[in-house]
C-alpha atoms as a PDB file:
ATOM      1  CA  MET A   1      37.044  57.195  48.906  1.00  0.00           C
ATOM      2  CA  ALA A   2      38.268  58.887  45.742  1.00  0.00           C
ATOM      3  CA  ALA A   3      36.467  58.608  42.426  1.00  0.00           C
ATOM      4  CA  THR A   4      38.366  57.325  39.429  1.00  0.00           C
ATOM      5  CA  SER A   5      37.604  57.539  35.744  1.00  0.00           C
ATOM      6  CA  VAL A   6      38.110  55.388  32.683  1.00  0.00           C
ATOM      7  CA  THR A   7      38.251  58.513  30.560  1.00  0.00           C
ATOM      8  CA  GLY A   8      41.795  59.287  31.600  1.00  0.00           C
ATOM      9  CA  VAL A   9      41.342  62.129  34.092  1.00  0.00           C
ATOM     10  CA  SER A  10      43.935  60.950  36.644  1.00  0.00           C
ATOM     11  CA  GLY A  11      44.589  58.439  39.382  1.00  0.00           C
ATOM     12  CA  SER A  12      44.326  54.666  39.492  1.00  0.00           C
ATOM     13  CA  GLY A  13      41.678  53.259  37.203  1.00  0.00           C
ATOM     14  CA  THR A  14      42.341  55.716  34.409  1.00  0.00           C
ATOM     15  CA  VAL A  15      43.380  54.591  30.986  1.00  0.00           C
ATOM     16  CA  ALA A  16      46.850  55.876  31.416  1.00  0.00           C
ATOM     17  CA  GLY A  17      49.346  53.519  29.799  1.00  0.00           C
ATOM     18  CA  ASN A  18      50.631  52.284  33.161  1.00  0.00           C
ATOM     19  CA  GLN A  19      47.561  50.116  33.876  1.00  0.00           C
ATOM     20  CA  LYS A  20      48.472  47.277  31.521  1.00  0.00           C
ATOM     21  CA  GLY A  21      46.880  43.895  32.144  1.00  0.00           C
ATOM     22  CA  SER A  22      48.208  40.450  31.347  1.00  0.00           C
ATOM     23  CA  ALA A  23      48.338  39.306  27.724  1.00  0.00           C
ATOM     24  CA  HIS A  24      46.528  36.150  28.916  1.00  0.00           C
ATOM     25  CA  MET A  25      43.434  38.103  29.992  1.00  0.00           C
ATOM     26  CA  SER A  26      42.063  38.282  26.441  1.00  0.00           C
ATOM     27  CA  LEU A  27      39.130  35.954  25.768  1.00  0.00           C
ATOM     28  CA  GLY A  28      38.997  36.121  21.976  1.00  0.00           C
ATOM     29  CA  VAL A  29      37.450  33.160  20.148  1.00  0.00           C
ATOM     30  CA  ASN A  30      40.896  32.010  18.995  1.00  0.00           C
ATOM     31  CA  LYS A  31      41.772  31.186  22.618  1.00  0.00           C
ATOM     32  CA  LEU A  32      38.672  29.102  23.343  1.00  0.00           C
ATOM     33  CA  ILE A  33      39.316  25.498  24.267  1.00  0.00           C
ATOM     34  CA  GLY A  34      36.726  22.921  23.377  1.00  0.00           C
ATOM     35  CA  PRO A  35      33.774  22.817  20.997  1.00  0.00           C
ATOM     36  CA  ARG A  36      32.710  25.947  19.131  1.00  0.00           C
ATOM     37  CA  VAL A  37      30.308  26.812  16.328  1.00  0.00           C
ATOM     38  CA  CYS A  38      32.222  27.439  13.090  1.00  0.00           C
ATOM     39  CA  ALA A  39      29.353  27.864  10.635  1.00  0.00           C
ATOM     40  CA  ALA A  40      25.565  27.934  10.749  1.00  0.00           C
ATOM     41  CA  GLY A  41      22.674  28.666   8.454  1.00  0.00           C
ATOM     42  CA  ALA A  42      19.318  27.587   7.089  1.00  0.00           C
ATOM     43  CA  LYS A  43      18.553  25.564   3.963  1.00  0.00           C
ATOM     44  CA  THR A  44      15.200  25.320   2.203  1.00  0.00           C
ATOM     45  CA  LEU A  45      14.989  21.803   0.818  1.00  0.00           C
ATOM     46  CA  THR A  46      14.263  21.258  -2.860  1.00  0.00           C
ATOM     47  CA  GLY A  47      11.875  18.349  -2.692  1.00  0.00           C
ATOM     48  CA  THR A  48      13.129  16.337   0.258  1.00  0.00           C
ATOM     49  CA  THR A  49      16.877  17.070  -0.028  1.00  0.00           C
ATOM     50  CA  GLY A  50      19.232  20.027  -0.017  1.00  0.00           C
ATOM     51  CA  THR A  51      22.987  20.347  -0.452  1.00  0.00           C
ATOM     52  CA  VAL A  52      24.938  22.793   1.699  1.00  0.00           C
ATOM     53  CA  VAL A  53      28.310  23.876   0.289  1.00  0.00           C
ATOM     54  CA  LEU A  54      30.736  25.938   2.350  1.00  0.00           C
ATOM     55  CA  PRO A  55      34.390  26.978   2.144  1.00  0.00           C
ATOM     56  CA  LYS A  56      36.859  24.480   3.576  1.00  0.00           C
ATOM     57  CA  LEU A  57      37.411  24.970   7.304  1.00  0.00           C
ATOM     58  CA  ALA A  58      40.739  24.612   9.122  1.00  0.00           C
ATOM     59  CA  GLY A  59      41.813  21.030   9.776  1.00  0.00           C
ATOM     60  CA  VAL A  60      40.107  17.935   8.401  1.00  0.00           C
ATOM     61  CA  VAL A  61      36.460  16.960   7.977  1.00  0.00           C
ATOM     62  CA  GLY A  62      36.706  14.637  10.994  1.00  0.00           C
ATOM     63  CA  ASP A  63      37.322  17.657  13.247  1.00  0.00           C
ATOM     64  CA  TYR A  64      33.704  18.801  12.782  1.00  0.00           C
ATOM     65  CA  VAL A  65      30.162  17.680  13.620  1.00  0.00           C
ATOM     66  CA  VAL A  66      27.091  18.703  11.599  1.00  0.00           C
ATOM     67  CA  MET A  67      23.780  19.164  13.446  1.00  0.00           C
ATOM     68  CA  VAL A  68      20.414  19.861  11.819  1.00  0.00           C
ATOM     69  CA  SER A  69      16.966  20.810  13.081  1.00  0.00           C
ATOM     70  CA  ALA A  70      13.691  21.435  11.237  1.00  0.00           C
ATOM     71  CA  ASN A  71      10.660  23.332  12.496  1.00  0.00           C
ATOM     72  CA  SER A  72       8.287  20.729  11.118  1.00  0.00           C
ATOM     73  CA  SER A  73       6.850  17.367  12.075  1.00  0.00           C
ATOM     74  CA  THR A  74       9.157  15.588   9.603  1.00  0.00           C
ATOM     75  CA  LEU A  75      12.562  14.584  10.918  1.00  0.00           C
ATOM     76  CA  ALA A  76      15.564  16.217   9.226  1.00  0.00           C
ATOM     77  CA  TYR A  77      18.895  14.434   9.103  1.00  0.00           C
ATOM     78  CA  VAL A  78      22.291  14.571   7.394  1.00  0.00           C
ATOM     79  CA  SER A  79      21.988  11.929   4.673  1.00  0.00           C
ATOM     80  CA  THR A  80      25.472  12.461   3.213  1.00  0.00           C
ATOM     81  CA  ALA A  81      28.207  13.354   5.692  1.00  0.00           C
ATOM     82  CA  LEU A  82      30.431  16.420   5.506  1.00  0.00           C
ATOM     83  CA  ALA A  83      33.043  15.761   2.810  1.00  0.00           C
ATOM     84  CA  ALA A  84      35.468  17.569   0.532  1.00  0.00           C
ATOM     85  CA  VAL A  85      34.109  18.533  -2.897  1.00  0.00           C
ATOM     86  CA  SER A  86      36.325  17.249  -5.740  1.00  0.00           C
ATOM     87  CA  ASP A  87      38.522  19.816  -7.519  1.00  0.00           C
ATOM     88  CA  THR A  88      37.484  22.683  -5.211  1.00  0.00           C
ATOM     89  CA  ASP A  89      38.366  24.140  -1.819  1.00  0.00           C
ATOM     90  CA  ASP A  90      34.817  23.517  -0.604  1.00  0.00           C
ATOM     91  CA  TRP A  91      33.123  21.039   1.711  1.00  0.00           C
ATOM     92  CA  SER A  92      29.514  19.904   1.453  1.00  0.00           C
ATOM     93  CA  PHE A  93      26.844  17.777   3.096  1.00  0.00           C
ATOM     94  CA  ILE A  94      23.326  16.751   2.109  1.00  0.00           C
ATOM     95  CA  ILE A  95      20.259  17.199   4.309  1.00  0.00           C
ATOM     96  CA  THR A  96      17.115  15.085   3.934  1.00  0.00           C
ATOM     97  CA  GLY A  97      13.773  16.080   5.444  1.00  0.00           C
ATOM     98  CA  GLY A  98      10.199  17.023   4.663  1.00  0.00           C
ATOM     99  CA  SER A  99       9.402  18.362   1.196  1.00  0.00           C
ATOM    100  CA  GLY A 100      10.236  22.082   1.053  1.00  0.00           C
ATOM    101  CA  ALA A 101      11.174  22.208   4.747  1.00  0.00           C
ATOM    102  CA  VAL A 102      13.461  24.908   6.091  1.00  0.00           C
ATOM    103  CA  VAL A 103      16.252  23.147   7.979  1.00  0.00           C
ATOM    104  CA  ASN A 104      18.650  24.943  10.332  1.00  0.00           C
ATOM    105  CA  TRP A 105      22.184  23.572  10.343  1.00  0.00           C
ATOM    106  CA  THR A 106      25.254  24.095  12.504  1.00  0.00           C
ATOM    107  CA  ILE A 107      28.850  22.938  12.135  1.00  0.00           C
ATOM    108  CA  VAL A 108      30.714  22.579  15.422  1.00  0.00           C
ATOM    109  CA  LYS A 109      34.448  21.967  15.833  1.00  0.00           C
ATOM    110  CA  VAL A 110      34.891  19.118  18.283  1.00  0.00           C
ATOM    111  CA  GLY A 111      37.145  19.451  21.298  1.00  0.00           C
ATOM    112  CA  VAL A 112      37.409  18.961  25.019  1.00  0.00           C
END
């Protein structure tokens, strides 16, 4: 059995230009089918609410789901759904939870 190298020494298995794979072998995020996380972060609530503003994502608001989770005994929830902000290219949503709670949020693009 002969040894091969990826450093380009010689033989099959080297990175010589003749070992080209299929263009369909790439698994970049732009080729994923189905749901995927598009944005995520944490928000410290001012009182019991906090507004998250983010740049507009591709598509329409209905293409996305917002999920929230707080590390406290008080339930956190999205009290105002993801929506376009008037006269801007931003979207926003409002989180309600325990006073001063830190709430983790995730926006997922829906898909099959």
